[in-house]
Amino acid sequence: MFRQRPPPEEERKVKANDREHNEKFQYASNCIMTSKYNILTFLPVNLFEQFQEVANTYFLFLLILQLIPQISSLSWFTTIVPLALVLSITAVKDATDDYVSKCFAHPEI
């Protein structure tokens, strides 16, 4: 019921640039994680953010209009290829930025 508290820490010795020595004491990490995606939410959140841009929404609207053969003089292929290319390049860039921001680029003390 009553646990004995460990004695308070009198001094802490941290050696700069000596990770093996510092890991023995299990100090708290200085890592700041700024990632906003995980595996399940990457695709919907990324597409939602990309279609907040007016240019991507415009090309999606053009694609929908080109699917109607009575009003379209061009095929849908001419719009979906650039739109898919832009969306995929931006998604890859966002995924790599998010992966790097998971504290891999900034080592702990």
N, C-alpha and C. Protein backbone atom coordinates (compact mmCIF):
# COMPACT_ATOMS: atom_id res chain seq x y z
N MET A 1 0.81 -1.18 0.00
CA MET A 1 0.00 0.00 0.00
C MET A 1 0.87 1.26 0.00
N PHE A 2 1.80 1.33 0.91
CA PHE A 2 2.70 2.47 0.93
C PHE A 2 4.04 2.04 0.36
N ARG A 3 4.40 2.68 -0.71
CA ARG A 3 5.68 2.36 -1.31
C ARG A 3 6.73 3.34 -0.82
N GLN A 4 7.91 2.83 -0.70
CA GLN A 4 9.01 3.69 -0.28
C GLN A 4 9.50 4.47 -1.49
N ARG A 5 9.60 5.75 -1.34
CA ARG A 5 10.07 6.60 -2.43
C ARG A 5 11.57 6.45 -2.58
N PRO A 6 12.02 6.51 -3.83
CA PRO A 6 13.47 6.47 -4.02
C PRO A 6 14.08 7.78 -3.51
N PRO A 7 15.32 7.73 -3.10
CA PRO A 7 15.94 8.97 -2.60
C PRO A 7 16.01 10.00 -3.73
N PRO A 8 15.88 11.28 -3.38
CA PRO A 8 15.94 12.30 -4.42
C PRO A 8 17.32 12.32 -5.07
N GLU A 9 17.31 12.67 -6.30
CA GLU A 9 18.54 12.69 -7.08
C GLU A 9 19.38 13.88 -6.64
N GLU A 10 20.59 13.61 -6.22
CA GLU A 10 21.43 14.70 -5.72
C GLU A 10 22.13 15.43 -6.84
N GLU A 11 22.61 14.70 -7.80
CA GLU A 11 23.25 15.36 -8.94
C GLU A 11 23.07 14.49 -10.18
N ARG A 12 23.08 15.14 -11.29
CA ARG A 12 22.89 14.47 -12.57
C ARG A 12 24.10 14.78 -13.43
N LYS A 13 24.72 13.72 -13.93
CA LYS A 13 25.89 13.90 -14.78
C LYS A 13 25.51 13.52 -16.20
N VAL A 14 25.51 14.49 -17.08
CA VAL A 14 25.23 14.28 -18.49
C VAL A 14 26.48 14.62 -19.26
N LYS A 15 26.92 13.68 -20.07
CA LYS A 15 28.11 13.92 -20.88
C LYS A 15 27.67 14.29 -22.29
N ALA A 16 28.14 15.41 -22.75
CA ALA A 16 27.78 15.87 -24.09
C ALA A 16 28.40 14.94 -25.13
N ASN A 17 27.59 14.62 -26.14
CA ASN A 17 28.00 13.77 -27.26
C ASN A 17 28.43 12.37 -26.83
N ASP A 18 27.90 11.88 -25.73
CA ASP A 18 28.17 10.51 -25.29
C ASP A 18 26.83 9.81 -25.08
N ARG A 19 26.23 9.37 -26.16
CA ARG A 19 24.89 8.79 -26.12
C ARG A 19 24.84 7.53 -25.27
N GLU A 20 25.85 6.66 -25.36
CA GLU A 20 25.84 5.42 -24.60
C GLU A 20 25.80 5.68 -23.10
N HIS A 21 26.57 6.65 -22.63
CA HIS A 21 26.58 6.98 -21.21
C HIS A 21 25.23 7.54 -20.77
N ASN A 22 24.64 8.41 -21.57
CA ASN A 22 23.39 9.05 -21.19
C ASN A 22 22.19 8.11 -21.27
N GLU A 23 22.24 7.11 -22.14
CA GLU A 23 21.12 6.18 -22.27
C GLU A 23 20.99 5.26 -21.06
N LYS A 24 22.04 5.11 -20.28
CA LYS A 24 21.98 4.26 -19.10
C LYS A 24 21.02 4.83 -18.05
N PHE A 25 20.83 6.13 -18.04
CA PHE A 25 20.03 6.78 -17.00
C PHE A 25 18.58 7.01 -17.40
N GLN A 26 18.23 6.78 -18.63
CA GLN A 26 16.86 6.91 -19.15
C GLN A 26 16.28 8.29 -18.85
N TYR A 27 17.01 9.31 -19.23
CA TYR A 27 16.52 10.68 -19.08
C TYR A 27 15.41 10.94 -20.09
N ALA A 28 14.65 11.96 -19.85
CA ALA A 28 13.59 12.33 -20.78
C ALA A 28 14.21 12.81 -22.09
N SER A 29 13.48 12.61 -23.15
CA SER A 29 13.97 12.97 -24.48
C SER A 29 13.69 14.44 -24.77
N ASN A 30 14.56 15.05 -25.56
CA ASN A 30 14.34 16.41 -26.03
C ASN A 30 13.69 16.44 -27.41
N CYS A 31 13.24 15.32 -27.85
CA CYS A 31 12.68 15.19 -29.19
C CYS A 31 11.35 15.92 -29.29
N ILE A 32 11.21 16.75 -30.32
CA ILE A 32 9.96 17.43 -30.60
C ILE A 32 9.41 16.84 -31.89
N MET A 33 8.24 16.21 -31.81
CA MET A 33 7.65 15.58 -32.97
C MET A 33 6.59 16.50 -33.56
N THR A 34 6.75 16.81 -34.85
CA THR A 34 5.81 17.71 -35.51
C THR A 34 5.08 17.03 -36.65
N SER A 35 5.01 15.72 -36.62
CA SER A 35 4.33 15.03 -37.70
C SER A 35 2.82 15.18 -37.54
N LYS A 36 2.12 15.22 -38.68
CA LYS A 36 0.66 15.39 -38.63
C LYS A 36 -0.08 14.22 -39.26
N TYR A 37 0.62 13.26 -39.80
CA TYR A 37 -0.02 12.11 -40.44
C TYR A 37 0.35 10.82 -39.71
N ASN A 38 -0.49 9.81 -39.89
CA ASN A 38 -0.09 8.44 -39.58
C ASN A 38 -0.51 7.61 -40.79
N ILE A 39 -0.31 6.32 -40.72
CA ILE A 39 -0.55 5.47 -41.89
C ILE A 39 -2.02 5.50 -42.31
N LEU A 40 -2.92 5.53 -41.35
CA LEU A 40 -4.35 5.49 -41.68
C LEU A 40 -4.90 6.83 -42.17
N THR A 41 -4.35 7.93 -41.69
CA THR A 41 -4.92 9.22 -42.04
C THR A 41 -4.17 9.96 -43.13
N PHE A 42 -3.09 9.38 -43.66
CA PHE A 42 -2.29 10.12 -44.63
C PHE A 42 -3.08 10.47 -45.88
N LEU A 43 -3.68 9.48 -46.52
CA LEU A 43 -4.36 9.73 -47.80
C LEU A 43 -5.54 10.70 -47.66
N PRO A 44 -6.49 10.49 -46.74
CA PRO A 44 -7.61 11.44 -46.69
C PRO A 44 -7.20 12.84 -46.25
N VAL A 45 -6.31 12.95 -45.27
CA VAL A 45 -5.92 14.28 -44.80
C VAL A 45 -5.10 14.99 -45.86
N ASN A 46 -4.21 14.27 -46.52
CA ASN A 46 -3.40 14.89 -47.55
C ASN A 46 -4.24 15.35 -48.73
N LEU A 47 -5.18 14.53 -49.17
CA LEU A 47 -6.05 14.95 -50.28
C LEU A 47 -6.92 16.13 -49.87
N PHE A 48 -7.41 16.13 -48.65
CA PHE A 48 -8.22 17.26 -48.17
C PHE A 48 -7.40 18.55 -48.19
N GLU A 49 -6.16 18.47 -47.74
CA GLU A 49 -5.31 19.66 -47.73
C GLU A 49 -4.95 20.11 -49.15
N GLN A 50 -4.72 19.15 -50.04
CA GLN A 50 -4.36 19.53 -51.40
C GLN A 50 -5.52 20.15 -52.15
N PHE A 51 -6.74 19.69 -51.88
CA PHE A 51 -7.89 20.27 -52.58
C PHE A 51 -8.37 21.56 -51.93
N GLN A 52 -7.69 22.02 -50.89
CA GLN A 52 -7.93 23.36 -50.37
C GLN A 52 -7.33 24.41 -51.29
N GLU A 53 -6.38 24.01 -52.11
CA GLU A 53 -5.78 24.93 -53.07
C GLU A 53 -6.72 25.08 -54.26
N VAL A 54 -6.84 26.31 -54.73
CA VAL A 54 -7.79 26.63 -55.78
C VAL A 54 -7.42 25.93 -57.09
N ALA A 55 -6.14 25.83 -57.40
CA ALA A 55 -5.73 25.22 -58.67
C ALA A 55 -6.13 23.75 -58.74
N ASN A 56 -5.93 23.01 -57.66
CA ASN A 56 -6.29 21.59 -57.66
C ASN A 56 -7.80 21.41 -57.75
N THR A 57 -8.55 22.26 -57.05
CA THR A 57 -10.01 22.19 -57.13
C THR A 57 -10.50 22.53 -58.52
N TYR A 58 -9.86 23.49 -59.17
CA TYR A 58 -10.22 23.87 -60.53
C TYR A 58 -10.01 22.70 -61.49
N PHE A 59 -8.87 22.04 -61.40
CA PHE A 59 -8.61 20.90 -62.28
C PHE A 59 -9.55 19.74 -62.00
N LEU A 60 -9.94 19.55 -60.76
CA LEU A 60 -10.93 18.51 -60.45
C LEU A 60 -12.29 18.86 -61.06
N PHE A 61 -12.67 20.13 -60.98
CA PHE A 61 -13.92 20.58 -61.60
C PHE A 61 -13.88 20.39 -63.11
N LEU A 62 -12.75 20.71 -63.74
CA LEU A 62 -12.61 20.49 -65.19
C LEU A 62 -12.70 19.01 -65.53
N LEU A 63 -12.13 18.17 -64.71
CA LEU A 63 -12.20 16.72 -64.94
C LEU A 63 -13.64 16.24 -64.89
N ILE A 64 -14.40 16.73 -63.93
CA ILE A 64 -15.81 16.34 -63.83
C ILE A 64 -16.58 16.81 -65.07
N LEU A 65 -16.29 18.02 -65.53
CA LEU A 65 -16.97 18.52 -66.73
C LEU A 65 -16.56 17.73 -67.97
N GLN A 66 -15.33 17.29 -68.05
CA GLN A 66 -14.87 16.54 -69.22
C GLN A 66 -15.40 15.11 -69.24
N LEU A 67 -15.95 14.65 -68.14
CA LEU A 67 -16.58 13.33 -68.14
C LEU A 67 -17.94 13.35 -68.83
N ILE A 68 -18.50 14.55 -69.03
CA ILE A 68 -19.78 14.70 -69.72
C ILE A 68 -19.48 14.88 -71.21
N PRO A 69 -19.80 13.91 -72.05
CA PRO A 69 -19.39 13.99 -73.46
C PRO A 69 -20.11 15.09 -74.26
N GLN A 70 -21.28 15.55 -73.84
CA GLN A 70 -22.01 16.57 -74.59
C GLN A 70 -21.36 17.95 -74.50
N ILE A 71 -20.64 18.23 -73.44
CA ILE A 71 -20.04 19.55 -73.30
C ILE A 71 -18.52 19.54 -73.40
N SER A 72 -17.92 18.41 -73.54
CA SER A 72 -16.46 18.33 -73.57
C SER A 72 -15.96 18.08 -74.98
N SER A 73 -14.96 18.85 -75.37
CA SER A 73 -14.33 18.63 -76.67
C SER A 73 -13.03 17.84 -76.52
N LEU A 74 -12.53 17.74 -75.33
CA LEU A 74 -11.31 16.98 -75.06
C LEU A 74 -11.65 15.74 -74.25
N SER A 75 -10.74 14.82 -74.24
CA SER A 75 -10.96 13.62 -73.42
C SER A 75 -10.56 13.90 -71.98
N TRP A 76 -11.09 13.09 -71.07
CA TRP A 76 -10.79 13.25 -69.65
C TRP A 76 -9.33 12.99 -69.35
N PHE A 77 -8.65 12.26 -70.23
CA PHE A 77 -7.26 11.89 -70.03
C PHE A 77 -6.35 13.12 -69.98
N THR A 78 -6.72 14.17 -70.71
CA THR A 78 -5.87 15.36 -70.76
C THR A 78 -5.88 16.15 -69.45
N THR A 79 -6.86 15.90 -68.60
CA THR A 79 -6.91 16.60 -67.32
C THR A 79 -6.46 15.72 -66.16
N ILE A 80 -6.77 14.44 -66.25
CA ILE A 80 -6.45 13.58 -65.10
C ILE A 80 -4.95 13.32 -64.96
N VAL A 81 -4.22 13.28 -66.06
CA VAL A 81 -2.79 13.01 -65.98
C VAL A 81 -2.05 14.15 -65.25
N PRO A 82 -2.24 15.42 -65.64
CA PRO A 82 -1.54 16.47 -64.88
C PRO A 82 -2.00 16.56 -63.42
N LEU A 83 -3.30 16.38 -63.19
CA LEU A 83 -3.81 16.45 -61.83
C LEU A 83 -3.23 15.32 -60.97
N ALA A 84 -3.22 14.12 -61.48
CA ALA A 84 -2.67 12.98 -60.74
C ALA A 84 -1.17 13.15 -60.51
N LEU A 85 -0.49 13.70 -61.49
CA LEU A 85 0.95 13.93 -61.35
C LEU A 85 1.25 14.95 -60.25
N VAL A 86 0.53 16.05 -60.26
CA VAL A 86 0.74 17.08 -59.24
C VAL A 86 0.37 16.56 -57.86
N LEU A 87 -0.76 15.86 -57.75
CA LEU A 87 -1.18 15.33 -56.45
C LEU A 87 -0.19 14.30 -55.91
N SER A 88 0.32 13.44 -56.78
CA SER A 88 1.24 12.40 -56.32
C SER A 88 2.60 12.98 -55.93
N ILE A 89 3.11 13.94 -56.68
CA ILE A 89 4.39 14.56 -56.32
C ILE A 89 4.27 15.30 -55.00
N THR A 90 3.18 16.03 -54.82
CA THR A 90 2.98 16.74 -53.56
C THR A 90 2.80 15.78 -52.40
N ALA A 91 2.11 14.66 -52.62
CA ALA A 91 1.91 13.67 -51.56
C ALA A 91 3.24 13.03 -51.16
N VAL A 92 4.09 12.74 -52.12
CA VAL A 92 5.40 12.16 -51.80
C VAL A 92 6.24 13.16 -51.02
N LYS A 93 6.20 14.42 -51.43
CA LYS A 93 6.94 15.47 -50.71
C LYS A 93 6.42 15.60 -49.27
N ASP A 94 5.09 15.62 -49.10
CA ASP A 94 4.52 15.73 -47.76
C ASP A 94 4.85 14.51 -46.90
N ALA A 95 4.85 13.33 -47.50
CA ALA A 95 5.17 12.11 -46.75
C ALA A 95 6.62 12.10 -46.29
N THR A 96 7.54 12.51 -47.14
CA THR A 96 8.94 12.55 -46.73
C THR A 96 9.18 13.62 -45.68
N ASP A 97 8.55 14.78 -45.83
CA ASP A 97 8.69 15.83 -44.81
C ASP A 97 8.14 15.35 -43.47
N ASP A 98 7.01 14.67 -43.50
CA ASP A 98 6.40 14.18 -42.27
C ASP A 98 7.25 13.08 -41.63
N TYR A 99 7.81 12.22 -42.44
CA TYR A 99 8.65 11.13 -41.91
C TYR A 99 9.92 11.68 -41.27
N VAL A 100 10.52 12.68 -41.89
CA VAL A 100 11.75 13.26 -41.36
C VAL A 100 11.46 14.02 -40.07
N SER A 101 10.27 14.58 -39.93
CA SER A 101 9.96 15.38 -38.74
C SER A 101 9.63 14.52 -37.53
N LYS A 102 9.69 13.22 -37.63
CA LYS A 102 9.42 12.35 -36.49
C LYS A 102 10.65 12.18 -35.60
N CYS A 103 11.46 13.20 -35.51
CA CYS A 103 12.61 13.26 -34.61
C CYS A 103 13.75 12.37 -35.07
N PHE A 104 13.79 11.95 -36.30
CA PHE A 104 14.94 11.20 -36.78
C PHE A 104 16.06 12.14 -37.19
N ALA A 105 15.70 13.32 -37.62
CA ALA A 105 16.73 14.27 -38.05
C ALA A 105 17.40 14.96 -36.87
N HIS A 106 16.73 14.98 -35.71
CA HIS A 106 17.26 15.66 -34.54
C HIS A 106 17.54 14.64 -33.45
N PRO A 107 18.78 14.19 -33.32
CA PRO A 107 19.08 13.16 -32.31
C PRO A 107 18.89 13.71 -30.89
N GLU A 108 18.64 12.79 -30.01
CA GLU A 108 18.45 13.15 -28.61
C GLU A 108 19.80 13.43 -27.95
N ILE A 109 19.74 13.91 -26.74
CA ILE A 109 20.98 14.20 -26.01
C ILE A 109 21.72 12.91 -25.75
